[in-house]
PDB file of N, CA and C in Angstrom:
ATOM      1  N   MET A   1     -14.687  16.520 -16.480  1.00  0.00           N
ATOM      2  CA  MET A   1     -13.787  17.471 -17.015  1.00  0.00           C
ATOM      3  C   MET A   1     -13.639  17.009 -18.681  1.00  0.00           C
ATOM      4  N   ARG A   2     -12.854  17.339 -19.597  1.00  0.00           N
ATOM      5  CA  ARG A   2     -13.032  17.694 -21.156  1.00  0.00           C
ATOM      6  C   ARG A   2     -12.097  16.226 -21.138  1.00  0.00           C
ATOM      7  N   ALA A   3     -11.824  15.445 -22.576  1.00  0.00           N
ATOM      8  CA  ALA A   3     -10.823  15.240 -22.888  1.00  0.00           C
ATOM      9  C   ALA A   3     -10.022  15.185 -22.725  1.00  0.00           C
ATOM     10  N   SER A   4      -9.410  16.345 -22.877  1.00  0.00           N
ATOM     11  CA  SER A   4      -8.534  17.496 -23.182  1.00  0.00           C
ATOM     12  C   SER A   4      -7.870  17.753 -22.124  1.00  0.00           C
ATOM     13  N   ASP A   5      -8.455  17.141 -20.395  1.00  0.00           N
ATOM     14  CA  ASP A   5      -7.538  17.437 -19.489  1.00  0.00           C
ATOM     15  C   ASP A   5      -6.747  16.215 -19.285  1.00  0.00           C
ATOM     16  N   ARG A   6      -7.597  15.348 -20.076  1.00  0.00           N
ATOM     17  CA  ARG A   6      -7.214  13.938 -19.111  1.00  0.00           C
ATOM     18  C   ARG A   6      -5.781  13.987 -19.140  1.00  0.00           C
ATOM     19  N   PHE A   7      -5.127  13.558 -18.503  1.00  0.00           N
ATOM     20  CA  PHE A   7      -3.225  13.434 -17.076  1.00  0.00           C
ATOM     21  C   PHE A   7      -2.881  11.943 -17.934  1.00  0.00           C
ATOM     22  N   THR A   8      -1.292  12.218 -18.449  1.00  0.00           N
ATOM     23  CA  THR A   8      -0.492  10.754 -19.202  1.00  0.00           C
ATOM     24  C   THR A   8      -0.144  10.148 -18.465  1.00  0.00           C
ATOM     25  N   SER A   9       0.614   8.919 -18.665  1.00  0.00           N
ATOM     26  CA  SER A   9       2.079   8.560 -18.301  1.00  0.00           C
ATOM     27  C   SER A   9       3.307   9.977 -18.144  1.00  0.00           C
ATOM     28  N   SER A  10       3.074  10.937 -19.159  1.00  0.00           N
ATOM     29  CA  SER A  10       4.610  11.490 -19.664  1.00  0.00           C
ATOM     30  C   SER A  10       4.681  12.871 -18.994  1.00  0.00           C
ATOM     31  N   ASP A  11       2.532  12.894 -17.893  1.00  0.00           N
ATOM     32  CA  ASP A  11       2.943  13.798 -17.389  1.00  0.00           C
ATOM     33  C   ASP A  11       3.879  13.948 -15.510  1.00  0.00           C
ATOM     34  N   LEU A  12       3.600  12.847 -15.640  1.00  0.00           N
ATOM     35  CA  LEU A  12       4.527  12.529 -14.158  1.00  0.00           C
ATOM     36  C   LEU A  12       5.789  12.800 -13.855  1.00  0.00           C
ATOM     37  N   GLU A  13       6.335  12.972 -15.492  1.00  0.00           N
ATOM     38  CA  GLU A  13       7.956  13.671 -15.497  1.00  0.00           C
ATOM     39  C   GLU A  13       7.196  15.056 -14.813  1.00  0.00           C
ATOM     40  N   ALA A  14       6.594  16.119 -14.792  1.00  0.00           N
ATOM     41  CA  ALA A  14       6.494  17.212 -14.502  1.00  0.00           C
ATOM     42  C   ALA A  14       6.365  16.860 -12.880  1.00  0.00           C
ATOM     43  N   PHE A  15       6.417  15.721 -12.024  1.00  0.00           N
ATOM     44  CA  PHE A  15       5.973  16.363 -10.726  1.00  0.00           C
ATOM     45  C   PHE A  15       7.586  15.780 -10.113  1.00  0.00           C
ATOM     46  N   PRO A  16       7.535  16.998  -8.961  1.00  0.00           N
ATOM     47  CA  PRO A  16       9.222  16.541  -8.110  1.00  0.00           C
ATOM     48  C   PRO A  16       8.850  14.519  -7.616  1.00  0.00           C
ATOM     49  N   GLU A  17      10.211  14.107  -7.465  1.00  0.00           N
ATOM     50  CA  GLU A  17      10.789  12.698  -7.179  1.00  0.00           C
ATOM     51  C   GLU A  17      10.128  12.310  -5.628  1.00  0.00           C
ATOM     52  N   ASN A  18      10.537  12.998  -5.131  1.00  0.00           N
ATOM     53  CA  ASN A  18      11.092  13.382  -3.096  1.00  0.00           C
ATOM     54  C   ASN A  18      10.376  14.344  -2.195  1.00  0.00           C
ATOM     55  N   ASP A  19       9.460  14.663  -2.937  1.00  0.00           N
ATOM     56  CA  ASP A  19       8.315  15.840  -2.442  1.00  0.00           C
ATOM     57  C   ASP A  19       7.006  14.852  -1.263  1.00  0.00           C
ATOM     58  N   GLY A  20       7.706  13.328  -0.932  1.00  0.00           N
ATOM     59  CA  GLY A  20       6.435  12.275  -0.061  1.00  0.00           C
ATOM     60  C   GLY A  20       5.576  12.425  -0.444  1.00  0.00           C
ATOM     61  N   LYS A  21       4.662  13.064  -1.717  1.00  0.00           N
ATOM     62  CA  LYS A  21       3.815  12.430  -2.317  1.00  0.00           C
ATOM     63  C   LYS A  21       3.554  11.100  -3.371  1.00  0.00           C
ATOM     64  N   ARG A  22       2.532  10.938  -3.483  1.00  0.00           N
ATOM     65  CA  ARG A  22       2.002  10.299  -4.639  1.00  0.00           C
ATOM     66  C   ARG A  22       1.240  10.250  -4.989  1.00  0.00           C
ATOM     67  N   TYR A  23       2.116   9.618  -7.024  1.00  0.00           N
ATOM     68  CA  TYR A  23       1.885  10.622  -8.050  1.00  0.00           C
ATOM     69  C   TYR A  23       0.004   8.925  -8.956  1.00  0.00           C
ATOM     70  N   GLU A  24      -0.215   9.710  -8.535  1.00  0.00           N
ATOM     71  CA  GLU A  24      -1.240   8.485  -9.163  1.00  0.00           C
ATOM     72  C   GLU A  24      -2.021   8.982 -10.849  1.00  0.00           C
ATOM     73  N   ILE A  25      -2.309   7.809 -11.550  1.00  0.00           N
ATOM     74  CA  ILE A  25      -3.317   8.178 -13.125  1.00  0.00           C
ATOM     75  C   ILE A  25      -4.012   7.488 -12.939  1.00  0.00           C
ATOM     76  N   ILE A  26      -5.418   7.549 -12.281  1.00  0.00           N
ATOM     77  CA  ILE A  26      -6.701   5.948 -12.829  1.00  0.00           C
ATOM     78  C   ILE A  26      -6.967   7.040 -14.468  1.00  0.00           C
ATOM     79  N   ASP A  27      -7.738   6.078 -15.389  1.00  0.00           N
ATOM     80  CA  ASP A  27      -8.573   7.166 -15.841  1.00  0.00           C
ATOM     81  C   ASP A  27      -8.655   8.226 -16.596  1.00  0.00           C
ATOM     82  N   GLY A  28      -7.124   8.749 -16.556  1.00  0.00           N
ATOM     83  CA  GLY A  28      -6.875  10.208 -17.081  1.00  0.00           C
ATOM     84  C   GLY A  28      -6.729  11.307 -16.044  1.00  0.00           C
ATOM     85  N   GLU A  29      -7.612  10.028 -15.094  1.00  0.00           N
ATOM     86  CA  GLU A  29      -7.416  11.492 -13.623  1.00  0.00           C
ATOM     87  C   GLU A  29      -6.672  11.590 -11.702  1.00  0.00           C
ATOM     88  N   LEU A  30      -6.439  12.769 -12.521  1.00  0.00           N
ATOM     89  CA  LEU A  30      -4.742  12.493 -11.335  1.00  0.00           C
ATOM     90  C   LEU A  30      -5.134  12.215  -9.923  1.00  0.00           C
ATOM     91  N   TYR A  31      -3.834  11.114  -8.809  1.00  0.00           N
ATOM     92  CA  TYR A  31      -5.161  11.317  -7.911  1.00  0.00           C
ATOM     93  C   TYR A  31      -3.575  11.427  -6.721  1.00  0.00           C
ATOM     94  N   VAL A  32      -3.352  11.977  -5.482  1.00  0.00           N
ATOM     95  CA  VAL A  32      -2.617  13.094  -5.720  1.00  0.00           C
ATOM     96  C   VAL A  32      -3.156  12.734  -3.916  1.00  0.00           C
ATOM     97  N   SER A  33      -1.359  11.503  -3.433  1.00  0.00           N
ATOM     98  CA  SER A  33      -2.220  11.423  -1.917  1.00  0.00           C
ATOM     99  C   SER A  33      -0.518  11.277  -1.495  1.00  0.00           C
ATOM    100  N   ARG A  34      -0.300  11.175   0.481  1.00  0.00           N
ATOM    101  CA  ARG A  34       0.396  11.334   1.088  1.00  0.00           C
ATOM    102  C   ARG A  34       1.315  10.265   1.033  1.00  0.00           C
ATOM    103  N   GLN A  35       3.013  10.056   1.198  1.00  0.00           N
ATOM    104  CA  GLN A  35       3.509   8.929   1.163  1.00  0.00           C
ATOM    105  C   GLN A  35       2.810   7.593   1.727  1.00  0.00           C
ATOM    106  N   PRO A  36       2.378   6.253   2.177  1.00  0.00           N
ATOM    107  CA  PRO A  36       1.672   5.229   3.579  1.00  0.00           C
ATOM    108  C   PRO A  36       3.180   5.873   4.446  1.00  0.00           C
ATOM    109  N   HIS A  37       2.255   6.396   6.255  1.00  0.00           N
ATOM    110  CA  HIS A  37       3.231   6.325   7.164  1.00  0.00           C
ATOM    111  C   HIS A  37       3.970   4.077   7.441  1.00  0.00           C
ATOM    112  N   LEU A  38       4.570   4.485   8.434  1.00  0.00           N
ATOM    113  CA  LEU A  38       5.471   3.302   8.486  1.00  0.00           C
ATOM    114  C   LEU A  38       4.886   2.438   8.756  1.00  0.00           C
ATOM    115  N   ASN A  39       3.340   1.797   9.780  1.00  0.00           N
ATOM    116  CA  ASN A  39       2.728   1.244  10.341  1.00  0.00           C
ATOM    117  C   ASN A  39       1.924   0.398   8.592  1.00  0.00           C
ATOM    118  N   HIS A  40       1.362   0.360   7.912  1.00  0.00           N
ATOM    119  CA  HIS A  40       1.022   1.210   6.241  1.00  0.00           C
ATOM    120  C   HIS A  40       2.526  -0.029   5.838  1.00  0.00           C
ATOM    121  N   GLN A  41       3.323   1.138   5.792  1.00  0.00           N
ATOM    122  CA  GLN A  41       4.258  -0.174   5.132  1.00  0.00           C
ATOM    123  C   GLN A  41       4.783  -1.081   5.628  1.00  0.00           C
ATOM    124  N   PHE A  42       4.774  -1.653   6.601  1.00  0.00           N
ATOM    125  CA  PHE A  42       4.911  -2.192   7.775  1.00  0.00           C
ATOM    126  C   PHE A  42       4.527  -4.135   7.404  1.00  0.00           C
ATOM    127  N   VAL A  43       2.812  -3.109   7.451  1.00  0.00           N
ATOM    128  CA  VAL A  43       2.106  -4.399   7.301  1.00  0.00           C
ATOM    129  C   VAL A  43       2.462  -4.458   5.577  1.00  0.00           C
ATOM    130  N   CYS A  44       2.251  -4.073   4.348  1.00  0.00           N
ATOM    131  CA  CYS A  44       2.680  -4.919   2.675  1.00  0.00           C
ATOM    132  C   CYS A  44       4.039  -4.726   2.885  1.00  0.00           C
ATOM    133  N   SER A  45       4.684  -4.733   3.595  1.00  0.00           N
ATOM    134  CA  SER A  45       7.002  -5.441   3.809  1.00  0.00           C
ATOM    135  C   SER A  45       6.365  -7.054   4.631  1.00  0.00           C
ATOM    136  N   ARG A  46       5.340  -7.432   5.018  1.00  0.00           N
ATOM    137  CA  ARG A  46       4.867  -8.267   5.911  1.00  0.00           C
ATOM    138  C   ARG A  46       3.503  -9.104   4.610  1.00  0.00           C
ATOM    139  N   VAL A  47       2.884  -8.861   4.052  1.00  0.00           N
ATOM    140  CA  VAL A  47       2.233  -9.430   2.831  1.00  0.00           C
ATOM    141  C   VAL A  47       3.096  -9.995   1.802  1.00  0.00           C
ATOM    142  N   TRP A  48       4.041  -8.731   1.632  1.00  0.00           N
ATOM    143  CA  TRP A  48       4.712  -8.891   0.057  1.00  0.00           C
ATOM    144  C   TRP A  48       5.419 -10.079   0.570  1.00  0.00           C
ATOM    145  N   SER A  49       6.539 -10.733   1.905  1.00  0.00           N
ATOM    146  CA  SER A  49       6.799 -11.698   2.497  1.00  0.00           C
ATOM    147  C   SER A  49       6.239 -12.666   2.199  1.00  0.00           C
ATOM    148  N   LYS A  50       5.254 -13.040   3.252  1.00  0.00           N
ATOM    149  CA  LYS A  50       4.205 -14.014   2.928  1.00  0.00           C
ATOM    150  C   LYS A  50       3.787 -15.135   1.646  1.00  0.00           C
ATOM    151  N   LEU A  51       3.391 -13.698   0.581  1.00  0.00           N
ATOM    152  CA  LEU A  51       3.209 -14.134  -0.543  1.00  0.00           C
ATOM    153  C   LEU A  51       5.088 -14.662  -1.052  1.00  0.00           C
ATOM    154  N   GLN A  52       5.806 -14.046  -0.686  1.00  0.00           N
ATOM    155  CA  GLN A  52       6.458 -14.423  -1.719  1.00  0.00           C
ATOM    156  C   GLN A  52       7.109 -15.664  -1.516  1.00  0.00           C
ATOM    157  N   GLN A  53       6.891 -15.984   0.242  1.00  0.00           N
ATOM    158  CA  GLN A  53       7.902 -17.434   0.572  1.00  0.00           C
ATOM    159  C   GLN A  53       6.783 -18.402  -0.293  1.00  0.00           C
ATOM    160  N   TRP A  54       5.116 -18.058   0.090  1.00  0.00           N
ATOM    161  CA  TRP A  54       4.605 -18.907  -0.908  1.00  0.00           C
ATOM    162  C   TRP A  54       4.895 -19.170  -1.854  1.00  0.00           C
ATOM    163  N   SER A  55       5.933 -17.975  -2.899  1.00  0.00           N
ATOM    164  CA  SER A  55       6.105 -18.817  -4.150  1.00  0.00           C
ATOM    165  C   SER A  55       6.768 -18.370  -4.628  1.00  0.00           C
ATOM    166  N   GLU A  56       7.931 -18.810  -3.602  1.00  0.00           N
ATOM    167  CA  GLU A  56       9.185 -19.483  -3.768  1.00  0.00           C
ATOM    168  C   GLU A  56       9.313 -20.972  -3.843  1.00  0.00           C
ATOM    169  N   GLN A  57       8.281 -21.189  -2.210  1.00  0.00           N
ATOM    170  CA  GLN A  57       7.477 -22.889  -1.600  1.00  0.00           C
ATOM    171  C   GLN A  57       6.799 -23.460  -3.270  1.00  0.00           C
ATOM    172  N   PHE A  58       6.087 -22.286  -3.991  1.00  0.00           N
ATOM    173  CA  PHE A  58       5.434 -24.164  -5.122  1.00  0.00           C
ATOM    174  C   PHE A  58       5.685 -23.093  -6.952  1.00  0.00           C
ATOM    175  N   GLY A  59       6.282 -22.277  -6.529  1.00  0.00           N
ATOM    176  CA  GLY A  59       7.819 -22.123  -7.175  1.00  0.00           C
ATOM    177  C   GLY A  59       6.359 -21.554  -8.755  1.00  0.00           C
ATOM    178  N   ASN A  60       5.470 -20.411  -8.087  1.00  0.00           N
ATOM    179  CA  ASN A  60       4.038 -20.090  -8.796  1.00  0.00           C
ATOM    180  C   ASN A  60       4.227 -18.956  -9.529  1.00  0.00           C
ATOM    181  N   GLY A  61       5.761 -17.944  -9.125  1.00  0.00           N
ATOM    182  CA  GLY A  61       5.170 -16.383  -9.316  1.00  0.00           C
ATOM    183  C   GLY A  61       5.670 -16.153  -8.241  1.00  0.00           C
ATOM    184  N   ILE A  62       5.847 -14.261  -8.286  1.00  0.00           N
ATOM    185  CA  ILE A  62       7.225 -13.274  -7.590  1.00  0.00           C
ATOM    186  C   ILE A  62       5.423 -12.513  -7.280  1.00  0.00           C
ATOM    187  N   ALA A  63       5.955 -12.165  -5.777  1.00  0.00           N
ATOM    188  CA  ALA A  63       5.424 -11.069  -5.623  1.00  0.00           C
ATOM    189  C   ALA A  63       6.223  -9.389  -5.621  1.00  0.00           C
ATOM    190  N   ILE A  64       5.978  -8.682  -5.640  1.00  0.00           N
ATOM    191  CA  ILE A  64       6.955  -7.335  -5.983  1.00  0.00           C
ATOM    192  C   ILE A  64       6.568  -6.160  -4.718  1.00  0.00           C
ATOM    193  N   GLU A  65       7.465  -4.930  -3.901  1.00  0.00           N
ATOM    194  CA  GLU A  65       6.548  -4.173  -3.679  1.00  0.00           C
ATOM    195  C   GLU A  65       6.570  -2.822  -3.998  1.00  0.00           C
ATOM    196  N   ALA A  66       5.289  -2.452  -4.361  1.00  0.00           N
ATOM    197  CA  ALA A  66       5.579  -0.629  -4.732  1.00  0.00           C
ATOM    198  C   ALA A  66       5.955  -0.983  -6.276  1.00  0.00           C
ATOM    199  N   PRO A  67       5.582  -1.633  -7.205  1.00  0.00           N
ATOM    200  CA  PRO A  67       6.136  -1.157  -8.429  1.00  0.00           C
ATOM    201  C   PRO A  67       5.461   0.066  -8.370  1.00  0.00           C
ATOM    202  N   GLY A  68       6.645   0.318 -10.236  1.00  0.00           N
ATOM    203  CA  GLY A  68       5.427   1.989 -10.797  1.00  0.00           C
ATOM    204  C   GLY A  68       4.106   0.544 -11.956  1.00  0.00           C
ATOM    205  N   LEU A  69       3.124   0.689 -12.741  1.00  0.00           N
ATOM    206  CA  LEU A  69       2.483  -0.041 -12.986  1.00  0.00           C
ATOM    207  C   LEU A  69       2.150   0.920 -14.021  1.00  0.00           C
ATOM    208  N   ILE A  70       1.863   0.751 -15.725  1.00  0.00           N
ATOM    209  CA  ILE A  70       1.865   1.196 -16.709  1.00  0.00           C
ATOM    210  C   ILE A  70       0.705   0.413 -17.542  1.00  0.00           C
ATOM    211  N   PHE A  71      -0.578   0.493 -17.449  1.00  0.00           N
ATOM    212  CA  PHE A  71      -1.335  -0.161 -17.950  1.00  0.00           C
ATOM    213  C   PHE A  71      -2.000   0.198 -18.986  1.00  0.00           C
ATOM    214  N   ALA A  72      -1.933   1.260 -19.354  1.00  0.00           N
ATOM    215  CA  ALA A  72      -2.611   2.713 -20.464  1.00  0.00           C
ATOM    216  C   ALA A  72      -1.753   3.835 -20.193  1.00  0.00           C
ATOM    217  N   GLU A  73      -1.859   4.414 -21.706  1.00  0.00           N
ATOM    218  CA  GLU A  73      -0.709   5.949 -21.354  1.00  0.00           C
ATOM    219  C   GLU A  73      -1.636   6.605 -19.354  1.00  0.00           C
ATOM    220  N   ASP A  74      -3.498   6.581 -19.880  1.00  0.00           N
ATOM    221  CA  ASP A  74      -3.632   7.456 -18.584  1.00  0.00           C
ATOM    222  C   ASP A  74      -4.465   6.573 -17.359  1.00  0.00           C
ATOM    223  N   ASP A  75      -3.091   5.111 -17.399  1.00  0.00           N
ATOM    224  CA  ASP A  75      -3.772   4.626 -15.932  1.00  0.00           C
ATOM    225  C   ASP A  75      -2.620   3.683 -15.789  1.00  0.00           C
ATOM    226  N   ASP A  76      -1.503   4.869 -14.931  1.00  0.00           N
ATOM    227  CA  ASP A  76      -0.307   4.646 -14.893  1.00  0.00           C
ATOM    228  C   ASP A  76      -0.292   4.412 -12.973  1.00  0.00           C
ATOM    229  N   VAL A  77      -0.327   3.661 -11.567  1.00  0.00           N
ATOM    230  CA  VAL A  77      -0.360   4.080 -11.033  1.00  0.00           C
ATOM    231  C   VAL A  77       0.157   2.819 -10.350  1.00  0.00           C
ATOM    232  N   ALA A  78       0.539   3.522  -8.909  1.00  0.00           N
ATOM    233  CA  ALA A  78       2.122   2.428  -7.637  1.00  0.00           C
ATOM    234  C   ALA A  78       0.871   1.143  -6.659  1.00  0.00           C
ATOM    235  N   PRO A  79       0.181   0.021  -6.679  1.00  0.00           N
ATOM    236  CA  PRO A  79       0.457  -0.833  -5.593  1.00  0.00           C
ATOM    237  C   PRO A  79       1.441  -0.370  -5.012  1.00  0.00           C
ATOM    238  N   ASP A  80       0.297  -1.002  -3.376  1.00  0.00           N
ATOM    239  CA  ASP A  80       1.722  -0.883  -2.561  1.00  0.00           C
ATOM    240  C   ASP A  80       2.462  -2.817  -2.544  1.00  0.00           C
ATOM    241  N   VAL A  81       1.459  -3.928  -2.728  1.00  0.00           N
ATOM    242  CA  VAL A  81       1.675  -4.919  -3.028  1.00  0.00           C
ATOM    243  C   VAL A  81       1.084  -6.025  -4.472  1.00  0.00           C
ATOM    244  N   VAL A  82       2.401  -5.817  -5.754  1.00  0.00           N
ATOM    245  CA  VAL A  82       1.993  -7.269  -6.391  1.00  0.00           C
ATOM    246  C   VAL A  82       2.387  -8.701  -6.569  1.00  0.00           C
ATOM    247  N   TRP A  83       1.115  -9.155  -7.131  1.00  0.00           N
ATOM    248  CA  TRP A  83       1.505 -10.257  -6.841  1.00  0.00           C
ATOM    249  C   TRP A  83       1.898 -11.065  -8.341  1.00  0.00           C
ATOM    250  N   LEU A  84       2.766 -11.822  -9.534  1.00  0.00           N
ATOM    251  CA  LEU A  84       2.487 -12.227 -10.733  1.00  0.00           C
ATOM    252  C   LEU A  84       2.444 -13.406 -11.152  1.00  0.00           C
ATOM    253  N   SER A  85       2.080 -14.188 -11.674  1.00  0.00           N
ATOM    254  CA  SER A  85       1.877 -15.582 -11.569  1.00  0.00           C
ATOM    255  C   SER A  85       2.957 -16.023 -13.299  1.00  0.00           C
ATOM    256  N   SER A  86       2.964 -17.406 -12.889  1.00  0.00           N
ATOM    257  CA  SER A  86       4.584 -17.490 -13.788  1.00  0.00           C
ATOM    258  C   SER A  86       4.546 -17.883 -14.505  1.00  0.00           C
TER     259      SER A  86
END
């Protein structure tokens, strides 16, 4: 891939929002996948719930489901669950 072919966060604006696909950019490369199925989402919700309960019990962070994270202009991802330390 040439350097000029790298995707950036602003390129994501050109894609439709509710087309059943997940768009992520990792190191300038575009990854397109289907939205996760029900069982996958159920497991993610359980993981989030347990992390959030633990975080609230000990006051050491927060769990977030499916956030959009931009680490750099060419790294724009949507992980299933994220935990952030306080």
